[in-house]
Amino acid sequence: MRITKEFNLGHLKCTLFINNEKHSLKIEDEYGEVSYKLGQLGDASTEEIAEFMNLPKIRSSVIDSFRGMRTGRDQLLSLIITPEEEAFEEII
């Protein structure tokens, strides 16, 4: 697997890979990542893919996916981690 391009999409880090003529795209933020298997893209260049990722419709779709993943992560953590009760000394 070889990295063909790295670029940012707002706060997201994007990495394009190629392996046996098949492309994939990994998108990361500080809490998670998504990988898209793009397959064989013919004549599409890595520059074109980066440009397409910046199209408003695609960009907002990707960001919405990360928001949904963050919501799921936060809900899971709220069930796992219980807040410690504050203990106050009794004052008489």
PDB file of N, CA and C in Angstrom:
ATOM      1  N   MET A   1       0.850  -1.159   0.000  1.00  0.00           N
ATOM      2  CA  MET A   1       0.000   0.000   0.000  1.00  0.00           C
ATOM      3  C   MET A   1       0.907   1.237   0.000  1.00  0.00           C
ATOM      4  N   ARG A   2       0.570   2.182  -0.865  1.00  0.00           N
ATOM      5  CA  ARG A   2       1.399   3.367  -1.026  1.00  0.00           C
ATOM      6  C   ARG A   2       0.527   4.613  -0.877  1.00  0.00           C
ATOM      7  N   ILE A   3       1.018   5.601  -0.135  1.00  0.00           N
ATOM      8  CA  ILE A   3       0.318   6.873   0.002  1.00  0.00           C
ATOM      9  C   ILE A   3       0.556   7.682  -1.263  1.00  0.00           C
ATOM     10  N   THR A   4      -0.544   8.152  -1.874  1.00  0.00           N
ATOM     11  CA  THR A   4      -0.402   8.955  -3.089  1.00  0.00           C
ATOM     12  C   THR A   4      -0.651  10.442  -2.833  1.00  0.00           C
ATOM     13  N   LYS A   5      -1.387  10.764  -1.770  1.00  0.00           N
ATOM     14  CA  LYS A   5      -1.646  12.175  -1.466  1.00  0.00           C
ATOM     15  C   LYS A   5      -2.186  12.311  -0.058  1.00  0.00           C
ATOM     16  N   GLU A   6      -1.773  13.371   0.608  1.00  0.00           N
ATOM     17  CA  GLU A   6      -2.330  13.747   1.904  1.00  0.00           C
ATOM     18  C   GLU A   6      -2.811  15.185   1.798  1.00  0.00           C
ATOM     19  N   PHE A   7      -3.985  15.462   2.366  1.00  0.00           N
ATOM     20  CA  PHE A   7      -4.518  16.819   2.351  1.00  0.00           C
ATOM     21  C   PHE A   7      -5.499  16.986   3.504  1.00  0.00           C
ATOM     22  N   ASN A   8      -5.813  18.223   3.804  1.00  0.00           N
ATOM     23  CA  ASN A   8      -6.764  18.525   4.876  1.00  0.00           C
ATOM     24  C   ASN A   8      -8.088  18.941   4.286  1.00  0.00           C
ATOM     25  N   LEU A   9      -9.129  18.556   4.978  1.00  0.00           N
ATOM     26  CA  LEU A   9     -10.492  18.939   4.639  1.00  0.00           C
ATOM     27  C   LEU A   9     -11.049  19.608   5.890  1.00  0.00           C
ATOM     28  N   GLY A  10     -10.782  20.890   6.042  1.00  0.00           N
ATOM     29  CA  GLY A  10     -11.105  21.566   7.296  1.00  0.00           C
ATOM     30  C   GLY A  10     -10.246  20.980   8.401  1.00  0.00           C
ATOM     31  N   HIS A  11     -10.878  20.490   9.450  1.00  0.00           N
ATOM     32  CA  HIS A  11     -10.143  19.890  10.565  1.00  0.00           C
ATOM     33  C   HIS A  11      -9.830  18.398  10.333  1.00  0.00           C
ATOM     34  N   LEU A  12     -10.275  17.856   9.216  1.00  0.00           N
ATOM     35  CA  LEU A  12     -10.066  16.433   8.923  1.00  0.00           C
ATOM     36  C   LEU A  12      -8.790  16.215   8.122  1.00  0.00           C
ATOM     37  N   LYS A  13      -8.078  15.151   8.452  1.00  0.00           N
ATOM     38  CA  LYS A  13      -6.892  14.766   7.692  1.00  0.00           C
ATOM     39  C   LYS A  13      -7.289  13.660   6.716  1.00  0.00           C
ATOM     40  N   CYS A  14      -6.959  13.840   5.445  1.00  0.00           N
ATOM     41  CA  CYS A  14      -7.314  12.873   4.408  1.00  0.00           C
ATOM     42  C   CYS A  14      -6.042  12.274   3.814  1.00  0.00           C
ATOM     43  N   THR A  15      -6.058  10.962   3.607  1.00  0.00           N
ATOM     44  CA  THR A  15      -4.925  10.267   3.011  1.00  0.00           C
ATOM     45  C   THR A  15      -5.440   9.344   1.921  1.00  0.00           C
ATOM     46  N   LEU A  16      -4.897   9.514   0.721  1.00  0.00           N
ATOM     47  CA  LEU A  16      -5.227   8.637  -0.405  1.00  0.00           C
ATOM     48  C   LEU A  16      -4.162   7.557  -0.527  1.00  0.00           C
ATOM     49  N   PHE A  17      -4.614   6.319  -0.708  1.00  0.00           N
ATOM     50  CA  PHE A  17      -3.717   5.177  -0.850  1.00  0.00           C
ATOM     51  C   PHE A  17      -3.989   4.474  -2.177  1.00  0.00           C
ATOM     52  N   ILE A  18      -2.996   3.758  -2.668  1.00  0.00           N
ATOM     53  CA  ILE A  18      -3.205   2.874  -3.811  1.00  0.00           C
ATOM     54  C   ILE A  18      -2.530   1.541  -3.483  1.00  0.00           C
ATOM     55  N   ASN A  19      -3.224   0.468  -3.822  1.00  0.00           N
ATOM     56  CA  ASN A  19      -2.721  -0.880  -3.595  1.00  0.00           C
ATOM     57  C   ASN A  19      -3.255  -1.765  -4.716  1.00  0.00           C
ATOM     58  N   ASN A  20      -2.369  -2.323  -5.520  1.00  0.00           N
ATOM     59  CA  ASN A  20      -2.771  -3.156  -6.664  1.00  0.00           C
ATOM     60  C   ASN A  20      -3.781  -2.436  -7.562  1.00  0.00           C
ATOM     61  N   GLU A  21      -3.501  -1.189  -7.867  1.00  0.00           N
ATOM     62  CA  GLU A  21      -4.322  -0.355  -8.749  1.00  0.00           C
ATOM     63  C   GLU A  21      -5.695  -0.003  -8.169  1.00  0.00           C
ATOM     64  N   LYS A  22      -5.929  -0.300  -6.907  1.00  0.00           N
ATOM     65  CA  LYS A  22      -7.181   0.053  -6.244  1.00  0.00           C
ATOM     66  C   LYS A  22      -6.904   1.171  -5.247  1.00  0.00           C
ATOM     67  N   HIS A  23      -7.773   2.166  -5.251  1.00  0.00           N
ATOM     68  CA  HIS A  23      -7.608   3.322  -4.387  1.00  0.00           C
ATOM     69  C   HIS A  23      -8.473   3.207  -3.137  1.00  0.00           C
ATOM     70  N   SER A  24      -7.985   3.819  -2.072  1.00  0.00           N
ATOM     71  CA  SER A  24      -8.789   3.971  -0.867  1.00  0.00           C
ATOM     72  C   SER A  24      -8.484   5.337  -0.269  1.00  0.00           C
ATOM     73  N   LEU A  25      -9.424   5.837   0.504  1.00  0.00           N
ATOM     74  CA  LEU A  25      -9.308   7.152   1.116  1.00  0.00           C
ATOM     75  C   LEU A  25      -9.597   7.007   2.602  1.00  0.00           C
ATOM     76  N   LYS A  26      -8.648   7.449   3.433  1.00  0.00           N
ATOM     77  CA  LYS A  26      -8.850   7.431   4.884  1.00  0.00           C
ATOM     78  C   LYS A  26      -9.012   8.870   5.345  1.00  0.00           C
ATOM     79  N   ILE A  27     -10.051   9.106   6.133  1.00  0.00           N
ATOM     80  CA  ILE A  27     -10.350  10.431   6.661  1.00  0.00           C
ATOM     81  C   ILE A  27     -10.351  10.324   8.187  1.00  0.00           C
ATOM     82  N   GLU A  28      -9.611  11.218   8.837  1.00  0.00           N
ATOM     83  CA  GLU A  28      -9.449  11.133  10.297  1.00  0.00           C
ATOM     84  C   GLU A  28      -9.740  12.464  10.961  1.00  0.00           C
ATOM     85  N   ASP A  29     -10.276  12.374  12.184  1.00  0.00           N
ATOM     86  CA  ASP A  29     -10.278  13.517  13.088  1.00  0.00           C
ATOM     87  C   ASP A  29      -9.685  13.025  14.397  1.00  0.00           C
ATOM     88  N   GLU A  30      -9.748  13.822  15.447  1.00  0.00           N
ATOM     89  CA  GLU A  30      -9.068  13.412  16.669  1.00  0.00           C
ATOM     90  C   GLU A  30      -9.755  12.251  17.398  1.00  0.00           C
ATOM     91  N   TYR A  31     -11.001  11.939  17.038  1.00  0.00           N
ATOM     92  CA  TYR A  31     -11.731  10.887  17.743  1.00  0.00           C
ATOM     93  C   TYR A  31     -12.006   9.631  16.932  1.00  0.00           C
ATOM     94  N   GLY A  32     -11.800   9.676  15.627  1.00  0.00           N
ATOM     95  CA  GLY A  32     -12.126   8.499  14.825  1.00  0.00           C
ATOM     96  C   GLY A  32     -11.642   8.635  13.397  1.00  0.00           C
ATOM     97  N   GLU A  33     -11.932   7.609  12.641  1.00  0.00           N
ATOM     98  CA  GLU A  33     -11.545   7.612  11.232  1.00  0.00           C
ATOM     99  C   GLU A  33     -12.539   6.806  10.416  1.00  0.00           C
ATOM    100  N   VAL A  34     -12.596   7.142   9.131  1.00  0.00           N
ATOM    101  CA  VAL A  34     -13.434   6.439   8.173  1.00  0.00           C
ATOM    102  C   VAL A  34     -12.572   6.124   6.969  1.00  0.00           C
ATOM    103  N   SER A  35     -12.738   4.928   6.416  1.00  0.00           N
ATOM    104  CA  SER A  35     -12.030   4.565   5.190  1.00  0.00           C
ATOM    105  C   SER A  35     -13.045   4.249   4.113  1.00  0.00           C
ATOM    106  N   TYR A  36     -12.812   4.797   2.934  1.00  0.00           N
ATOM    107  CA  TYR A  36     -13.634   4.523   1.762  1.00  0.00           C
ATOM    108  C   TYR A  36     -12.803   3.712   0.781  1.00  0.00           C
ATOM    109  N   LYS A  37     -13.300   2.575   0.371  1.00  0.00           N
ATOM    110  CA  LYS A  37     -12.663   1.801  -0.688  1.00  0.00           C
ATOM    111  C   LYS A  37     -13.220   2.324  -2.009  1.00  0.00           C
ATOM    112  N   LEU A  38     -12.359   2.916  -2.819  1.00  0.00           N
ATOM    113  CA  LEU A  38     -12.795   3.552  -4.049  1.00  0.00           C
ATOM    114  C   LEU A  38     -12.631   2.662  -5.271  1.00  0.00           C
ATOM    115  N   GLY A  39     -11.844   1.604  -5.151  1.00  0.00           N
ATOM    116  CA  GLY A  39     -11.641   0.695  -6.277  1.00  0.00           C
ATOM    117  C   GLY A  39     -10.741   1.291  -7.346  1.00  0.00           C
ATOM    118  N   GLN A  40     -10.850   0.780  -8.555  1.00  0.00           N
ATOM    119  CA  GLN A  40     -10.062   1.284  -9.674  1.00  0.00           C
ATOM    120  C   GLN A  40     -10.740   2.530 -10.224  1.00  0.00           C
ATOM    121  N   LEU A  41      -9.988   3.596 -10.345  1.00  0.00           N
ATOM    122  CA  LEU A  41     -10.577   4.872 -10.706  1.00  0.00           C
ATOM    123  C   LEU A  41     -10.274   5.303 -12.131  1.00  0.00           C
ATOM    124  N   GLY A  42      -9.654   4.455 -12.890  1.00  0.00           N
ATOM    125  CA  GLY A  42      -9.381   4.809 -14.281  1.00  0.00           C
ATOM    126  C   GLY A  42      -8.451   6.001 -14.375  1.00  0.00           C
ATOM    127  N   ASP A  43      -8.906   7.038 -15.066  1.00  0.00           N
ATOM    128  CA  ASP A  43      -8.065   8.203 -15.327  1.00  0.00           C
ATOM    129  C   ASP A  43      -8.139   9.277 -14.240  1.00  0.00           C
ATOM    130  N   ALA A  44      -8.946   9.072 -13.226  1.00  0.00           N
ATOM    131  CA  ALA A  44      -9.066  10.082 -12.172  1.00  0.00           C
ATOM    132  C   ALA A  44      -7.743  10.230 -11.440  1.00  0.00           C
ATOM    133  N   SER A  45      -7.289  11.464 -11.281  1.00  0.00           N
ATOM    134  CA  SER A  45      -6.024  11.704 -10.590  1.00  0.00           C
ATOM    135  C   SER A  45      -6.268  11.959  -9.111  1.00  0.00           C
ATOM    136  N   THR A  46      -5.208  11.872  -8.341  1.00  0.00           N
ATOM    137  CA  THR A  46      -5.329  12.156  -6.906  1.00  0.00           C
ATOM    138  C   THR A  46      -5.720  13.619  -6.689  1.00  0.00           C
ATOM    139  N   GLU A  47      -5.274  14.498  -7.564  1.00  0.00           N
ATOM    140  CA  GLU A  47      -5.650  15.911  -7.455  1.00  0.00           C
ATOM    141  C   GLU A  47      -7.160  16.085  -7.640  1.00  0.00           C
ATOM    142  N   GLU A  48      -7.731  15.363  -8.585  1.00  0.00           N
ATOM    143  CA  GLU A  48      -9.176  15.442  -8.820  1.00  0.00           C
ATOM    144  C   GLU A  48      -9.960  14.933  -7.617  1.00  0.00           C
ATOM    145  N   ILE A  49      -9.479  13.852  -7.027  1.00  0.00           N
ATOM    146  CA  ILE A  49     -10.168  13.295  -5.853  1.00  0.00           C
ATOM    147  C   ILE A  49     -10.155  14.321  -4.724  1.00  0.00           C
ATOM    148  N   ALA A  50      -9.018  14.959  -4.495  1.00  0.00           N
ATOM    149  CA  ALA A  50      -8.918  15.987  -3.452  1.00  0.00           C
ATOM    150  C   ALA A  50      -9.871  17.151  -3.755  1.00  0.00           C
ATOM    151  N   GLU A  51      -9.962  17.551  -5.017  1.00  0.00           N
ATOM    152  CA  GLU A  51     -10.888  18.618  -5.405  1.00  0.00           C
ATOM    153  C   GLU A  51     -12.339  18.201  -5.174  1.00  0.00           C
ATOM    154  N   PHE A  52     -12.678  16.963  -5.531  1.00  0.00           N
ATOM    155  CA  PHE A  52     -14.045  16.472  -5.343  1.00  0.00           C
ATOM    156  C   PHE A  52     -14.416  16.438  -3.861  1.00  0.00           C
ATOM    157  N   MET A  53     -13.455  16.107  -2.994  1.00  0.00           N
ATOM    158  CA  MET A  53     -13.725  16.059  -1.556  1.00  0.00           C
ATOM    159  C   MET A  53     -14.086  17.437  -1.014  1.00  0.00           C
ATOM    160  N   ASN A  54     -13.631  18.491  -1.687  1.00  0.00           N
ATOM    161  CA  ASN A  54     -13.933  19.851  -1.246  1.00  0.00           C
ATOM    162  C   ASN A  54     -15.266  20.375  -1.767  1.00  0.00           C
ATOM    163  N   LEU A  55     -15.953  19.602  -2.599  1.00  0.00           N
ATOM    164  CA  LEU A  55     -17.284  20.020  -3.046  1.00  0.00           C
ATOM    165  C   LEU A  55     -18.206  20.098  -1.830  1.00  0.00           C
ATOM    166  N   PRO A  56     -18.992  21.165  -1.696  1.00  0.00           N
ATOM    167  CA  PRO A  56     -19.819  21.361  -0.497  1.00  0.00           C
ATOM    168  C   PRO A  56     -20.687  20.156  -0.125  1.00  0.00           C
ATOM    169  N   LYS A  57     -21.313  19.522  -1.105  1.00  0.00           N
ATOM    170  CA  LYS A  57     -22.198  18.389  -0.816  1.00  0.00           C
ATOM    171  C   LYS A  57     -21.421  17.212  -0.217  1.00  0.00           C
ATOM    172  N   ILE A  58     -20.268  16.923  -0.781  1.00  0.00           N
ATOM    173  CA  ILE A  58     -19.457  15.797  -0.288  1.00  0.00           C
ATOM    174  C   ILE A  58     -18.842  16.151   1.056  1.00  0.00           C
ATOM    175  N   ARG A  59     -18.299  17.349   1.151  1.00  0.00           N
ATOM    176  CA  ARG A  59     -17.670  17.791   2.392  1.00  0.00           C
ATOM    177  C   ARG A  59     -18.658  17.747   3.559  1.00  0.00           C
ATOM    178  N   SER A  60     -19.863  18.264   3.369  1.00  0.00           N
ATOM    179  CA  SER A  60     -20.844  18.271   4.459  1.00  0.00           C
ATOM    180  C   SER A  60     -21.304  16.856   4.799  1.00  0.00           C
ATOM    181  N   SER A  61     -21.388  15.982   3.815  1.00  0.00           N
ATOM    182  CA  SER A  61     -21.758  14.595   4.072  1.00  0.00           C
ATOM    183  C   SER A  61     -20.714  13.904   4.953  1.00  0.00           C
ATOM    184  N   VAL A  62     -19.447  14.131   4.644  1.00  0.00           N
ATOM    185  CA  VAL A  62     -18.363  13.530   5.434  1.00  0.00           C
ATOM    186  C   VAL A  62     -18.383  14.088   6.858  1.00  0.00           C
ATOM    187  N   ILE A  63     -18.535  15.390   6.989  1.00  0.00           N
ATOM    188  CA  ILE A  63     -18.555  16.010   8.319  1.00  0.00           C
ATOM    189  C   ILE A  63     -19.758  15.515   9.119  1.00  0.00           C
ATOM    190  N   ASP A  64     -20.912  15.361   8.479  1.00  0.00           N
ATOM    191  CA  ASP A  64     -22.094  14.808   9.166  1.00  0.00           C
ATOM    192  C   ASP A  64     -21.833  13.392   9.661  1.00  0.00           C
ATOM    193  N   SER A  65     -21.109  12.602   8.872  1.00  0.00           N
ATOM    194  CA  SER A  65     -20.767  11.235   9.294  1.00  0.00           C
ATOM    195  C   SER A  65     -19.939  11.265  10.570  1.00  0.00           C
ATOM    196  N   PHE A  66     -18.980  12.166  10.621  1.00  0.00           N
ATOM    197  CA  PHE A  66     -18.142  12.271  11.821  1.00  0.00           C
ATOM    198  C   PHE A  66     -18.938  12.767  13.015  1.00  0.00           C
ATOM    199  N   ARG A  67     -19.879  13.660  12.804  1.00  0.00           N
ATOM    200  CA  ARG A  67     -20.739  14.119  13.912  1.00  0.00           C
ATOM    201  C   ARG A  67     -21.544  12.953  14.472  1.00  0.00           C
ATOM    202  N   GLY A  68     -22.088  12.127  13.566  1.00  0.00           N
ATOM    203  CA  GLY A  68     -22.842  10.956  14.004  1.00  0.00           C
ATOM    204  C   GLY A  68     -21.980   9.973  14.770  1.00  0.00           C
ATOM    205  N   MET A  69     -20.757   9.768  14.275  1.00  0.00           N
ATOM    206  CA  MET A  69     -19.843   8.853  14.976  1.00  0.00           C
ATOM    207  C   MET A  69     -19.495   9.400  16.358  1.00  0.00           C
ATOM    208  N   ARG A  70     -19.291  10.705  16.452  1.00  0.00           N
ATOM    209  CA  ARG A  70     -18.952  11.316  17.743  1.00  0.00           C
ATOM    210  C   ARG A  70     -20.113  11.179  18.717  1.00  0.00           C
ATOM    211  N   THR A  71     -21.346  11.335  18.229  1.00  0.00           N
ATOM    212  CA  THR A  71     -22.521  11.175  19.088  1.00  0.00           C
ATOM    213  C   THR A  71     -22.589   9.753  19.633  1.00  0.00           C
ATOM    214  N   GLY A  72     -22.382   8.772  18.760  1.00  0.00           N
ATOM    215  CA  GLY A  72     -22.378   7.378  19.201  1.00  0.00           C
ATOM    216  C   GLY A  72     -21.278   7.100  20.207  1.00  0.00           C
ATOM    217  N   ARG A  73     -20.100   7.650  19.957  1.00  0.00           N
ATOM    218  CA  ARG A  73     -18.971   7.472  20.873  1.00  0.00           C
ATOM    219  C   ARG A  73     -19.297   8.083  22.233  1.00  0.00           C
ATOM    220  N   ASP A  74     -19.832   9.303  22.235  1.00  0.00           N
ATOM    221  CA  ASP A  74     -20.166   9.972  23.495  1.00  0.00           C
ATOM    222  C   ASP A  74     -21.230   9.202  24.276  1.00  0.00           C
ATOM    223  N   GLN A  75     -22.216   8.662  23.573  1.00  0.00           N
ATOM    224  CA  GLN A  75     -23.259   7.879  24.244  1.00  0.00           C
ATOM    225  C   GLN A  75     -22.668   6.620  24.863  1.00  0.00           C
ATOM    226  N   LEU A  76     -21.780   5.958  24.134  1.00  0.00           N
ATOM    227  CA  LEU A  76     -21.123   4.763  24.666  1.00  0.00           C
ATOM    228  C   LEU A  76     -20.306   5.104  25.903  1.00  0.00           C
ATOM    229  N   LEU A  77     -19.504   6.172  25.810  1.00  0.00           N
ATOM    230  CA  LEU A  77     -18.681   6.557  26.956  1.00  0.00           C
ATOM    231  C   LEU A  77     -19.520   6.952  28.157  1.00  0.00           C
ATOM    232  N   SER A  78     -20.692   7.560  27.927  1.00  0.00           N
ATOM    233  CA  SER A  78     -21.536   7.955  29.060  1.00  0.00           C
ATOM    234  C   SER A  78     -22.044   6.732  29.819  1.00  0.00           C
ATOM    235  N   LEU A  79     -22.162   5.595  29.137  1.00  0.00           N
ATOM    236  CA  LEU A  79     -22.591   4.369  29.814  1.00  0.00           C
ATOM    237  C   LEU A  79     -21.437   3.674  30.523  1.00  0.00           C
ATOM    238  N   ILE A  80     -20.235   3.863  29.999  1.00  0.00           N
ATOM    239  CA  ILE A  80     -19.061   3.194  30.562  1.00  0.00           C
ATOM    240  C   ILE A  80     -18.490   3.970  31.741  1.00  0.00           C
ATOM    241  N   ILE A  81     -18.400   5.276  31.586  1.00  0.00           N
ATOM    242  CA  ILE A  81     -17.766   6.119  32.599  1.00  0.00           C
ATOM    243  C   ILE A  81     -18.862   6.818  33.393  1.00  0.00           C
ATOM    244  N   THR A  82     -18.917   6.519  34.677  1.00  0.00           N
ATOM    245  CA  THR A  82     -19.896   7.190  35.523  1.00  0.00           C
ATOM    246  C   THR A  82     -19.180   8.309  36.278  1.00  0.00           C
ATOM    247  N   PRO A  83     -19.774   9.467  36.323  1.00  0.00           N
ATOM    248  CA  PRO A  83     -19.118  10.578  37.025  1.00  0.00           C
ATOM    249  C   PRO A  83     -19.038  10.289  38.518  1.00  0.00           C
ATOM    250  N   GLU A  84     -17.901  10.654  39.085  1.00  0.00           N
ATOM    251  CA  GLU A  84     -17.733  10.447  40.522  1.00  0.00           C
ATOM    252  C   GLU A  84     -18.561  11.488  41.258  1.00  0.00           C
ATOM    253  N   GLU A  85     -19.210  11.032  42.322  1.00  0.00           N
ATOM    254  CA  GLU A  85     -19.989  11.966  43.119  1.00  0.00           C
ATOM    255  C   GLU A  85     -19.042  12.821  43.933  1.00  0.00           C
ATOM    256  N   GLU A  86     -19.391  14.093  44.023  1.00  0.00           N
ATOM    257  CA  GLU A  86     -18.567  14.984  44.827  1.00  0.00           C
ATOM    258  C   GLU A  86     -18.851  14.708  46.290  1.00  0.00           C
ATOM    259  N   ALA A  87     -17.804  14.568  47.038  1.00  0.00           N
ATOM    260  CA  ALA A  87     -17.948  14.327  48.479  1.00  0.00           C
ATOM    261  C   ALA A  87     -17.652  15.619  49.225  1.00  0.00           C
ATOM    262  N   PHE A  88     -18.584  16.014  50.059  1.00  0.00           N
ATOM    263  CA  PHE A  88     -18.398  17.218  50.860  1.00  0.00           C
ATOM    264  C   PHE A  88     -18.294  16.808  52.305  1.00  0.00           C
ATOM    265  N   GLU A  89     -17.380  17.490  52.987  1.00  0.00           N
ATOM    266  CA  GLU A  89     -17.268  17.242  54.426  1.00  0.00           C
ATOM    267  C   GLU A  89     -18.492  17.841  55.110  1.00  0.00           C
ATOM    268  N   GLU A  90     -18.954  17.144  56.129  1.00  0.00           N
ATOM    269  CA  GLU A  90     -20.109  17.647  56.871  1.00  0.00           C
ATOM    270  C   GLU A  90     -19.649  18.750  57.795  1.00  0.00           C
ATOM    271  N   ILE A  91     -20.341  19.879  57.719  1.00  0.00           N
ATOM    272  CA  ILE A  91     -19.992  21.026  58.560  1.00  0.00           C
ATOM    273  C   ILE A  91     -21.068  21.169  59.627  1.00  0.00           C
ATOM    274  N   ILE A  92     -20.597  21.201  60.852  1.00  0.00           N
ATOM    275  CA  ILE A  92     -21.550  21.304  61.967  1.00  0.00           C
ATOM    276  C   ILE A  92     -21.405  22.645  62.637  1.00  0.00           C
TER     277      ILE A  92
END
